[in-house]
Amino acid sequence: MPQNANKSAHYDVTSAPLLREDKDGITTLTLNRPDKFNCLSLGLLNMLQETLDNIAKDPAAKVIVIAANGRAFCAGHDLAEVNSDPSVDPMEHLMATCAHMMQTIVSIPQPVIAKVQGVATAAGCQLVAQCDLAIAADSSRFGTSGINLGLFCSTPMIAVTRNLPRKQAMELLMTGDLIDAPTALSWGLLNKVVPLDELDAAVDEMAIKIASKSRAAIAIGKELFYAQINEGLDTAYKLGAAAIVRNLQKEDARNGIDAFLNKRDMPEWQDK
């Protein structure tokens, strides 16, 4: 079990659009606009950005879970906010803010798990796709439904096409149809689908397992995963070799290898 078993709510749970809880090395961020289907307003995006930036520097945080309150996980951008002023400058700012937050999910050292209890559409589907891992209730549904409003899901497409095969991604983007959780699993958007009443336990199991590993090794591995995945084979191997060399200089790796060779229990990770 990881250390630092503290638990704290960083925001007022009755009103804040984003809630934070820390426990046993696992930080849970809960989207808390249930009456708005957890739409990503500019304010919520900014709060997510600030919180992720802070977590990235927190040595006690080993895994991040993004969850949501209410019937929807996230229904995308706040269309009422968008419609209030869809002119170029505010829309460029909104899209840049969203893109920066999505890329932060990739760049921070902690693995990020999407915990999906309801519908995830448009930028909400993008959020699921952008997370490193995703577990969903069997009743959840997914879609890039902007096309139904005459608005192609261009930015959600970025994350979706990095998860799904081309034909399935095109179907999702072009039709605007919602797919069920088993289909999303078979298409590669999800890691696991479970009954709703088992969702907490399934996410906890994965988060605790990852949090029990060396934080330093996980961080190196995540950085390499995204650095090499779109590179050619030669560059990917060079990046991989450099990462292993860097990892081998870490105290965790040296202690772990020594324990394996000498048939001792694995040490408590120092994340050094």
Protein backbone atom coordinates (compact mmCIF):
# COMPACT_ATOMS: atom_id res chain seq x y z
CA MET A 1 0.00 0.00 0.00
CA PRO A 2 1.47 3.40 -0.90
CA GLN A 3 2.45 5.83 1.79
CA ASN A 4 1.07 9.33 2.49
CA ALA A 5 -2.41 8.12 3.31
CA ASN A 6 -3.91 11.55 3.77
CA LYS A 7 -7.39 12.51 2.66
CA SER A 8 -8.48 16.09 2.04
CA ALA A 9 -11.06 17.98 0.03
CA HIS A 10 -9.47 21.06 -1.52
CA TYR A 11 -12.70 22.69 -2.62
CA ASP A 12 -16.14 23.29 -1.16
CA VAL A 13 -17.96 20.09 -2.09
CA THR A 14 -21.32 21.82 -2.28
CA SER A 15 -20.52 24.34 -4.99
CA ALA A 16 -17.11 23.97 -6.64
CA PRO A 17 -17.13 22.78 -10.27
CA LEU A 18 -14.11 20.60 -9.51
CA LEU A 19 -13.51 18.53 -6.38
CA ARG A 20 -10.21 17.05 -5.25
CA GLU A 21 -9.54 14.20 -2.86
CA ASP A 22 -6.15 12.71 -1.97
CA LYS A 23 -5.84 9.28 -0.40
CA ASP A 24 -3.03 6.70 -0.38
CA GLY A 25 -1.14 8.33 -3.24
CA ILE A 26 -4.25 8.51 -5.44
CA THR A 27 -5.69 11.93 -6.34
CA THR A 28 -9.30 11.95 -7.50
CA LEU A 29 -10.59 14.96 -9.43
CA THR A 30 -14.36 15.00 -9.75
CA LEU A 31 -16.18 17.12 -12.31
CA ASN A 32 -19.00 18.67 -10.30
CA ARG A 33 -21.42 20.45 -12.65
CA PRO A 34 -24.09 17.72 -12.68
CA ASP A 35 -26.88 20.15 -13.59
CA LYS A 36 -24.85 21.11 -16.69
CA PHE A 37 -23.84 17.52 -17.51
CA ASN A 38 -20.32 18.45 -16.41
CA CYS A 39 -19.73 20.58 -19.51
CA LEU A 40 -16.23 22.01 -19.82
CA SER A 41 -16.77 25.71 -19.24
CA LEU A 42 -13.77 28.00 -19.47
CA GLY A 43 -13.79 28.27 -15.68
CA LEU A 44 -13.73 24.50 -15.22
CA LEU A 45 -10.95 24.13 -17.80
CA ASN A 46 -8.87 26.72 -15.95
CA MET A 47 -9.48 24.99 -12.64
CA LEU A 48 -8.47 21.64 -14.14
CA GLN A 49 -5.32 23.20 -15.55
CA GLU A 50 -4.28 24.79 -12.28
CA THR A 51 -4.99 21.61 -10.34
CA LEU A 52 -3.10 19.35 -12.76
CA ASP A 53 -0.12 21.71 -12.69
CA ASN A 54 -0.08 21.51 -8.89
CA ILE A 55 -0.45 17.72 -8.84
CA ALA A 56 2.43 17.32 -11.30
CA LYS A 57 4.76 18.81 -8.67
CA ASP A 58 3.30 16.83 -5.76
CA PRO A 59 5.57 13.88 -4.85
CA ALA A 60 2.76 12.30 -2.80
CA ALA A 61 0.47 12.00 -5.84
CA LYS A 62 1.17 8.80 -7.77
CA VAL A 63 -2.03 8.31 -9.77
CA ILE A 64 -4.81 10.67 -10.88
CA VAL A 65 -8.43 9.61 -11.37
CA ILE A 66 -10.81 11.89 -13.27
CA ALA A 67 -14.39 11.16 -12.24
CA ALA A 68 -17.73 12.99 -12.41
CA ASN A 69 -20.91 13.54 -10.41
CA GLY A 70 -24.36 13.08 -11.89
CA ARG A 71 -25.80 11.21 -14.86
CA ALA A 72 -23.17 12.38 -17.36
CA PHE A 73 -19.41 12.06 -17.25
CA CYS A 74 -18.98 15.08 -19.52
CA ALA A 75 -21.14 16.38 -22.37
CA GLY A 76 -18.35 18.42 -23.97
CA HIS A 77 -17.96 22.18 -24.13
CA ASP A 78 -20.55 24.43 -22.52
CA LEU A 79 -22.58 25.32 -25.62
CA ALA A 80 -24.48 28.09 -23.85
CA GLU A 81 -21.16 29.73 -23.03
CA VAL A 82 -19.94 29.17 -26.60
CA ASN A 83 -23.13 30.61 -28.09
CA SER A 84 -22.91 33.74 -25.92
CA ASP A 85 -19.99 34.95 -28.04
CA PRO A 86 -18.78 32.62 -30.80
CA SER A 87 -16.51 35.25 -32.37
CA VAL A 88 -12.93 34.39 -33.24
CA ASP A 89 -10.98 35.75 -30.26
CA PRO A 90 -12.96 34.11 -27.41
CA MET A 91 -13.23 30.85 -29.34
CA GLU A 92 -9.50 30.75 -30.04
CA HIS A 93 -8.88 31.34 -26.33
CA LEU A 94 -11.31 28.59 -25.32
CA MET A 95 -9.84 26.06 -27.73
CA ALA A 96 -6.26 26.92 -26.75
CA THR A 97 -7.16 26.56 -23.06
CA CYS A 98 -8.77 23.17 -23.68
CA ALA A 99 -5.87 21.95 -25.84
CA HIS A 100 -3.35 22.98 -23.17
CA MET A 101 -5.27 21.11 -20.46
CA MET A 102 -5.60 17.98 -22.62
CA GLN A 103 -1.87 18.03 -23.39
CA THR A 104 -1.10 18.47 -19.70
CA ILE A 105 -2.81 15.13 -19.05
CA VAL A 106 -0.16 13.61 -21.30
CA SER A 107 2.82 15.60 -20.03
CA ILE A 108 2.38 15.22 -16.26
CA PRO A 109 4.33 12.33 -14.70
CA GLN A 110 1.34 10.62 -13.07
CA PRO A 111 -0.85 8.17 -15.00
CA VAL A 112 -4.40 9.51 -15.42
CA ILE A 113 -7.42 7.18 -15.29
CA ALA A 114 -10.84 8.24 -16.59
CA LYS A 115 -13.62 6.84 -14.39
CA VAL A 116 -16.71 7.03 -16.59
CA GLN A 117 -20.14 6.59 -15.02
CA GLY A 118 -22.33 8.17 -17.74
CA VAL A 119 -22.41 9.69 -21.19
CA ALA A 120 -19.20 11.21 -22.59
CA THR A 121 -19.72 13.22 -25.75
CA ALA A 122 -17.70 15.63 -27.90
CA ALA A 123 -14.97 17.16 -25.68
CA GLY A 124 -16.12 14.74 -22.96
CA CYS A 125 -15.25 11.84 -25.23
CA GLN A 126 -12.01 13.68 -25.99
CA LEU A 127 -11.25 13.78 -22.26
CA VAL A 128 -11.75 10.02 -21.95
CA ALA A 129 -9.55 9.40 -24.99
CA GLN A 130 -6.84 11.74 -23.72
CA CYS A 131 -6.52 9.99 -20.36
CA ASP A 132 -3.84 7.31 -20.18
CA LEU A 133 -6.36 4.69 -19.06
CA ALA A 134 -10.15 4.49 -18.92
CA ILE A 135 -12.63 2.30 -17.05
CA ALA A 136 -16.36 2.72 -17.63
CA ALA A 137 -19.69 1.50 -16.33
CA ASP A 138 -21.51 -0.77 -18.76
CA SER A 139 -24.33 1.78 -18.97
CA SER A 140 -22.08 4.61 -20.21
CA ARG A 141 -22.09 5.84 -23.82
CA PHE A 142 -19.64 7.70 -25.99
CA GLY A 143 -19.78 9.87 -29.09
CA THR A 144 -18.42 12.80 -31.04
CA SER A 145 -21.86 14.21 -31.63
CA GLY A 146 -21.00 17.73 -32.75
CA ILE A 147 -21.72 16.82 -36.36
CA ASN A 148 -25.40 16.54 -35.40
CA LEU A 149 -25.31 20.30 -34.69
CA GLY A 150 -23.40 21.17 -37.85
CA LEU A 151 -20.15 21.39 -35.88
CA PHE A 152 -17.51 18.75 -36.66
CA CYS A 153 -15.69 17.54 -33.54
CA SER A 154 -12.32 18.68 -34.84
CA THR A 155 -10.43 18.91 -31.53
CA PRO A 156 -12.01 15.78 -29.98
CA MET A 157 -10.88 14.03 -33.17
CA ILE A 158 -7.23 14.57 -32.15
CA ALA A 159 -7.50 12.36 -29.08
CA VAL A 160 -10.05 9.93 -30.53
CA THR A 161 -7.96 9.11 -33.61
CA ARG A 162 -5.01 8.32 -31.34
CA ASN A 163 -7.11 5.63 -29.65
CA LEU A 164 -9.37 4.12 -32.30
CA PRO A 165 -8.65 2.42 -35.63
CA ARG A 166 -9.30 4.71 -38.60
CA LYS A 167 -12.57 3.21 -39.83
CA GLN A 168 -14.13 3.18 -36.35
CA ALA A 169 -12.94 6.74 -35.67
CA MET A 170 -14.43 7.93 -38.95
CA GLU A 171 -17.75 6.27 -38.13
CA LEU A 172 -17.88 7.93 -34.73
CA LEU A 173 -16.95 11.35 -36.13
CA MET A 174 -19.07 11.30 -39.27
CA THR A 175 -22.32 9.86 -37.91
CA GLY A 176 -22.48 11.54 -34.50
CA ASP A 177 -23.97 8.32 -33.14
CA LEU A 178 -23.40 7.23 -29.57
CA ILE A 179 -21.75 3.88 -28.99
CA ASP A 180 -22.24 1.76 -25.89
CA ALA A 181 -19.47 0.84 -23.47
CA PRO A 182 -18.82 -2.68 -24.83
CA THR A 183 -18.40 -1.20 -28.32
CA ALA A 184 -16.09 1.50 -26.97
CA LEU A 185 -14.06 -1.25 -25.31
CA SER A 186 -13.79 -3.28 -28.51
CA TRP A 187 -12.79 -0.16 -30.48
CA GLY A 188 -9.95 0.64 -28.07
CA LEU A 189 -11.35 3.66 -26.21
CA LEU A 190 -11.55 1.83 -22.87
CA ASN A 191 -9.47 -0.59 -20.82
CA LYS A 192 -12.34 -2.20 -18.97
CA VAL A 193 -16.13 -2.17 -18.68
CA VAL A 194 -17.87 -3.17 -15.46
CA PRO A 195 -21.36 -2.90 -13.94
CA LEU A 196 -21.96 0.52 -12.40
CA ASP A 197 -21.95 -0.83 -8.86
CA GLU A 198 -18.48 -2.29 -9.48
CA LEU A 199 -16.96 0.85 -11.03
CA ASP A 200 -15.46 2.22 -7.81
CA ALA A 201 -13.79 -1.09 -7.01
CA ALA A 202 -12.44 -1.58 -10.54
CA VAL A 203 -10.89 1.89 -10.66
CA ASP A 204 -9.50 1.53 -7.14
CA GLU A 205 -7.92 -1.81 -8.04
CA MET A 206 -6.10 -0.37 -11.06
CA ALA A 207 -5.11 2.87 -9.30
CA ILE A 208 -3.77 1.06 -6.22
CA LYS A 209 -1.80 -1.37 -8.38
CA ILE A 210 -0.13 1.46 -10.31
CA ALA A 211 0.45 3.52 -7.16
CA SER A 212 2.34 0.58 -5.64
CA LYS A 213 5.01 0.85 -8.35
CA SER A 214 8.03 3.15 -8.43
CA ARG A 215 6.82 6.69 -9.15
CA ALA A 216 10.13 7.50 -10.83
CA ALA A 217 9.94 4.50 -13.16
CA ILE A 218 6.29 5.18 -14.02
CA ALA A 219 7.12 8.80 -14.87
CA ILE A 220 9.99 7.79 -17.16
CA GLY A 221 7.83 5.16 -18.85
CA LYS A 222 4.90 7.50 -19.44
CA GLU A 223 7.14 10.19 -20.92
CA LEU A 224 8.75 7.66 -23.27
CA PHE A 225 5.41 6.14 -24.28
CA TYR A 226 4.17 9.40 -25.77
CA ALA A 227 7.56 10.52 -27.09
CA GLN A 228 8.13 7.38 -29.16
CA ILE A 229 4.67 6.35 -30.26
CA ASN A 230 4.50 8.54 -33.38
CA GLU A 231 8.19 8.27 -34.26
CA GLY A 232 9.87 5.96 -36.75
CA LEU A 233 11.37 2.72 -35.46
CA ASP A 234 14.97 3.97 -35.36
CA THR A 235 14.12 7.12 -33.37
CA ALA A 236 11.80 5.16 -31.08
CA TYR A 237 14.56 2.70 -30.19
CA LYS A 238 16.98 5.54 -29.50
CA LEU A 239 14.46 7.19 -27.21
CA GLY A 240 13.78 3.86 -25.52
CA ALA A 241 17.45 3.13 -24.95
CA ALA A 242 18.02 6.58 -23.47
CA ALA A 243 15.04 6.10 -21.13
CA ILE A 244 16.28 2.73 -19.87
CA VAL A 245 19.75 4.14 -19.25
CA ARG A 246 18.18 7.01 -17.29
CA ASN A 247 15.94 4.58 -15.37
CA LEU A 248 18.92 2.39 -14.46
CA GLN A 249 20.53 5.34 -12.72
CA LYS A 250 17.59 5.54 -10.33
CA GLU A 251 17.87 4.11 -6.83
CA ASP A 252 14.55 2.27 -7.24
CA ALA A 253 15.83 0.32 -10.25
CA ARG A 254 19.12 -0.61 -8.60
CA ASN A 255 17.38 -1.76 -5.41
CA GLY A 256 14.73 -3.69 -7.34
CA ILE A 257 17.25 -5.54 -9.51
CA ASP A 258 19.38 -6.34 -6.48
CA ALA A 259 16.35 -7.74 -4.64
CA PHE A 260 15.43 -9.90 -7.65
CA LEU A 261 18.95 -11.28 -8.08
CA ASN A 262 19.27 -12.04 -4.38
CA LYS A 263 15.75 -13.48 -4.09
CA ARG A 264 14.62 -10.88 -1.56
CA ASP A 265 11.26 -9.16 -1.31
CA MET A 266 10.93 -6.05 -3.45
CA PRO A 267 12.01 -2.96 -1.52
CA GLU A 268 9.79 -0.05 -0.62
CA TRP A 269 10.16 2.35 -3.53
CA GLN A 270 12.06 5.53 -2.80
CA ASP A 271 11.10 7.16 -6.13
CA LYS A 272 14.75 8.10 -6.63
